[in-house]
Each structure stands twice: as structure tokens, then as C-alpha cells.
């Protein structure tokens, strides 16, 4: 073979290689963007279990407190608190065990201090208030409205433990689904 035909053949091979590289570059770029999960924001991934706990607790408190005014007078408010806590107990157990196999553990306890603070904030004193007094009992905030017991909030401490670490938060959940 002559040197000229080898040179031309080398140019064709080089051009073919360049064309293949250009054709494959979108695939490589897509793989790097979509196929590699470690470039996900680690903080967002860690916060997801905490956000899931808040949503779960919001639904659980709403379900536990819905019929309290119909079944409990203000005089029986301690029974209302006991009923809410009793209804929440299996749901809190469900949350605690829900993601253990995925390496996520939840520990939930009532926060009496946060409940007392919420009762003081939501029940102002003086002639302008619209409803009766509030009480915080065992982490549950109740209010006297027309001699019926209304659940205003449940204060909970939630500790989320994952393989990446541990985070704790205090959540004050209102039966309407709002948290604060």
C-alpha cells in the first residue's frame, strides 16, 4: 500500500470516530444528568422523612379530633384529651414503624411546653375574645366553645433518624391540617 492511501484511510477512520463521538455525546450527557443519583441535593433527601412525618401527623390529628365537640362537654375536657391521645396512639405507632426497613426511624412524644405556649397564644384574655378559655393538657390544647370541648392543637416532638443522621423538630398540629 502506498503512503497516500494509508493517510486517506486514516482520515476516514478519524472522521468516523468523530461522527460517532458527536452522536453519542447526548446519550452520555443524559446518563450523567438522569442516571446518577448521588448528585441529588442531600439536604432535601434528608428532609423528606421529616416532611412526610408532618403530613402524616396532620392527617392523624385531624382524624383523632374531628368528633370531640359532639361527644365531650367542657366539663369532660380531660376525657376529650384522653380520647384524642388514645386515637392517636395507634397512628403514632404506625409512623414509628413505617419506614424501619428503609433505615428511617421516627420517635414521637408529646410536648407539653409547646402546647402550653400555643394555648396562651391562641386564647387571648380580655373582653374581645370570642370563645371561652383554653387549656393545655398532656400536649393537647382544648378550648371551651359553647360548653363543648374543641381541640385546637396537638404539640409533638418528632425525632427522625436515618443513616445520614438525626434531626429533631417540634410540630404543633391543628386538626384543620395546619402546622406551626
Protein backbone atom coordinates (compact mmCIF):
# COMPACT_ATOMS: atom_id res chain seq x y z
CA UNK A 1 0.00 0.00 0.00
CA UNK A 2 1.14 3.46 -0.70
CA UNK A 3 1.55 6.09 2.00
CA UNK A 4 -1.13 8.21 0.39
CA UNK A 5 -3.88 5.55 0.64
CA UNK A 6 -2.95 4.86 4.30
CA UNK A 7 -3.20 8.57 5.02
CA UNK A 8 -6.62 8.79 3.33
CA UNK A 9 -7.81 5.68 5.18
CA UNK A 10 -6.64 7.17 8.50
CA UNK A 11 -8.58 10.34 7.74
CA UNK A 12 -11.75 8.35 7.05
CA UNK A 13 -11.34 6.39 10.30
CA UNK A 14 -10.72 9.61 12.23
CA UNK A 15 -13.80 11.26 10.67
CA UNK A 16 -15.95 8.21 11.50
CA UNK A 17 -14.72 8.24 15.10
CA UNK A 18 -15.54 11.94 15.41
CA UNK A 19 -19.04 11.37 13.99
CA UNK A 20 -19.68 8.55 16.49
CA UNK A 21 -18.42 10.69 19.39
CA UNK A 22 -20.74 13.54 18.39
CA UNK A 23 -23.67 11.12 18.05
CA UNK A 24 -23.04 9.55 21.48
CA UNK A 25 -22.46 12.78 23.39
CA UNK A 26 -26.20 13.44 24.05
CA UNK A 27 -26.52 9.92 25.46
CA UNK A 28 -23.56 10.44 27.78
CA UNK A 29 -24.94 13.81 28.88
CA UNK A 30 -28.38 12.30 29.57
CA UNK A 31 -26.83 9.46 31.56
CA UNK A 32 -24.86 11.89 33.68
CA UNK A 33 -27.91 14.04 34.37
CA UNK A 34 -30.55 11.37 34.92
CA UNK A 35 -28.79 8.16 35.76
CA UNK A 36 -26.54 9.28 38.59
CA UNK A 37 -28.47 9.74 41.82
CA UNK A 38 -25.71 11.00 44.12
CA UNK A 39 -25.88 14.46 42.61
CA UNK A 40 -29.31 14.93 44.24
CA UNK A 41 -29.38 17.55 46.98
CA UNK A 42 -28.56 15.58 50.11
CA UNK A 43 -30.30 18.07 52.40
CA UNK A 44 -33.58 17.72 50.51
CA UNK A 45 -33.30 13.95 50.64
CA UNK A 46 -32.71 14.09 54.41
CA UNK A 47 -35.64 16.47 54.99
CA UNK A 48 -38.12 14.26 53.13
CA UNK A 49 -38.77 11.91 56.09
CA UNK A 50 -39.43 14.92 58.36
CA UNK A 51 -41.86 16.42 55.85
CA UNK A 52 -43.56 13.03 55.48
CA UNK A 53 -43.96 12.84 59.27
CA UNK A 54 -45.57 16.29 59.36
CA UNK A 55 -48.09 15.36 56.66
CA UNK A 56 -48.89 12.07 58.39
CA UNK A 57 -49.36 13.76 61.77
CA UNK A 58 -51.58 16.43 60.24
CA UNK A 59 -53.96 13.79 58.92
CA UNK A 60 -53.78 11.76 62.14
CA UNK A 61 -54.61 14.72 64.41
CA UNK A 62 -57.48 15.76 62.18
CA UNK A 63 -58.96 12.25 62.31
CA UNK A 64 -58.45 11.96 66.08
CA UNK A 65 -60.08 15.30 66.92
CA UNK A 66 -62.94 15.57 64.44
CA UNK A 67 -65.84 14.40 66.62
CA UNK A 68 -64.59 15.64 70.01
CA UNK A 69 -67.03 18.62 70.25
CA UNK A 70 -70.02 16.36 69.62
CA UNK A 71 -69.03 13.84 72.28
CA UNK A 72 -67.36 15.91 75.06
CA UNK A 73 -68.65 18.83 77.08
CA UNK A 74 -66.22 21.32 78.59
CA UNK A 75 -66.69 19.68 81.98
CA UNK A 76 -65.40 16.41 80.41
CA UNK A 77 -62.41 18.02 78.72
CA UNK A 78 -59.93 15.65 80.40
CA UNK A 79 -61.85 12.75 78.83
CA UNK A 80 -61.62 14.54 75.47
CA UNK A 81 -57.84 14.84 75.83
CA UNK A 82 -57.62 11.17 76.76
CA UNK A 83 -59.76 10.24 73.74
CA UNK A 84 -57.56 12.22 71.34
CA UNK A 85 -54.39 10.67 72.76
CA UNK A 86 -55.96 7.20 72.64
CA UNK A 87 -56.97 7.65 68.99
CA UNK A 88 -53.53 8.98 68.11
CA UNK A 89 -51.63 6.15 69.82
CA UNK A 90 -52.00 3.53 67.05
CA UNK A 91 -51.24 6.13 64.38
CA UNK A 92 -48.08 7.22 66.20
CA UNK A 93 -47.07 3.56 66.47
CA UNK A 94 -47.68 3.16 62.74
CA UNK A 95 -45.46 6.13 61.96
CA UNK A 96 -42.74 4.88 64.30
CA UNK A 97 -42.59 1.52 62.49
CA UNK A 98 -43.47 2.63 58.96
CA UNK A 99 -40.02 3.01 57.41
CA UNK A 100 -37.75 0.99 59.69
CA UNK A 101 -36.91 -1.45 56.89
CA UNK A 102 -35.74 1.53 54.79
CA UNK A 103 -33.45 2.70 57.61
CA UNK A 104 -35.73 5.51 58.84
CA UNK A 105 -36.92 5.57 62.44
CA UNK A 106 -39.39 8.01 63.98
CA UNK A 107 -39.74 8.73 67.69
CA UNK A 108 -42.78 10.81 68.64
CA UNK A 109 -43.56 12.25 72.08
CA UNK A 110 -46.00 14.90 73.31
CA UNK A 111 -44.57 18.36 74.03
CA UNK A 112 -46.42 19.87 76.99
CA UNK A 113 -44.42 23.13 76.91
CA UNK A 114 -45.27 23.85 73.27
CA UNK A 115 -48.92 23.03 73.97
CA UNK A 116 -48.99 25.46 76.90
CA UNK A 117 -47.40 28.16 74.73
CA UNK A 118 -49.95 27.54 71.95
CA UNK A 119 -52.84 27.77 74.43
CA UNK A 120 -51.55 31.13 75.66
CA UNK A 121 -51.15 32.43 72.09
CA UNK A 122 -54.50 31.23 70.76
CA UNK A 123 -56.63 32.24 73.72
CA UNK A 124 -56.10 35.93 74.44
CA UNK A 125 -57.56 37.36 77.60
CA UNK A 126 -59.92 40.27 77.79
CA UNK A 127 -63.38 41.27 76.59
CA UNK A 128 -62.59 40.93 72.87
CA UNK A 129 -62.19 37.16 72.85
CA UNK A 130 -64.87 35.20 71.06
CA UNK A 131 -64.68 31.85 72.84
CA UNK A 132 -64.05 30.53 76.32
CA UNK A 133 -60.76 29.72 77.92
CA UNK A 134 -58.13 27.34 76.66
CA UNK A 135 -56.19 24.66 78.45
CA UNK A 136 -53.17 22.62 77.54
CA UNK A 137 -53.31 19.14 78.98
CA UNK A 138 -50.76 16.41 78.28
CA UNK A 139 -49.71 18.01 74.98
CA UNK A 140 -53.24 18.67 73.70
CA UNK A 141 -54.75 22.19 73.52
CA UNK A 142 -58.51 22.39 74.07
CA UNK A 143 -60.93 25.31 74.20
CA UNK A 144 -64.39 25.88 75.65
CA UNK A 145 -66.79 26.84 72.86
CA UNK A 146 -70.46 26.89 73.83
CA UNK A 147 -69.74 24.43 76.65
CA UNK A 148 -68.25 21.94 74.19
CA UNK A 149 -64.60 20.86 74.12
CA UNK A 150 -62.82 21.78 70.88
CA UNK A 151 -59.32 20.51 70.11
CA UNK A 152 -57.19 23.40 68.85
CA UNK A 153 -53.84 21.66 68.54
CA UNK A 154 -51.60 18.78 69.50
CA UNK A 155 -47.92 19.52 70.20
CA UNK A 156 -45.45 16.76 69.37
CA UNK A 157 -41.70 16.31 69.36
CA UNK A 158 -40.54 14.22 66.41
CA UNK A 159 -37.07 12.75 66.08
CA UNK A 160 -36.20 11.30 62.68
CA UNK A 161 -33.19 9.01 62.49
CA UNK A 162 -31.75 7.91 59.15
CA UNK A 163 -28.40 6.52 58.11
CA UNK A 164 -27.36 10.10 57.30
CA UNK A 165 -28.06 11.37 60.82
CA UNK A 166 -30.71 12.52 63.23
CA UNK A 167 -33.00 15.54 63.18
CA UNK A 168 -35.49 16.71 65.75
CA UNK A 169 -38.43 19.07 65.46
CA UNK A 170 -41.41 20.25 67.42
CA UNK A 171 -44.65 20.21 65.45
CA UNK A 172 -47.86 21.85 66.67
CA UNK A 173 -50.61 20.33 64.56
CA UNK A 174 -54.08 21.82 64.30
CA UNK A 175 -56.97 19.49 63.44
CA UNK A 176 -57.65 21.54 60.31
CA UNK A 177 -54.37 20.23 58.93
CA UNK A 178 -52.28 23.36 59.54
CA UNK A 179 -48.95 23.04 61.31
CA UNK A 180 -46.94 25.68 63.01
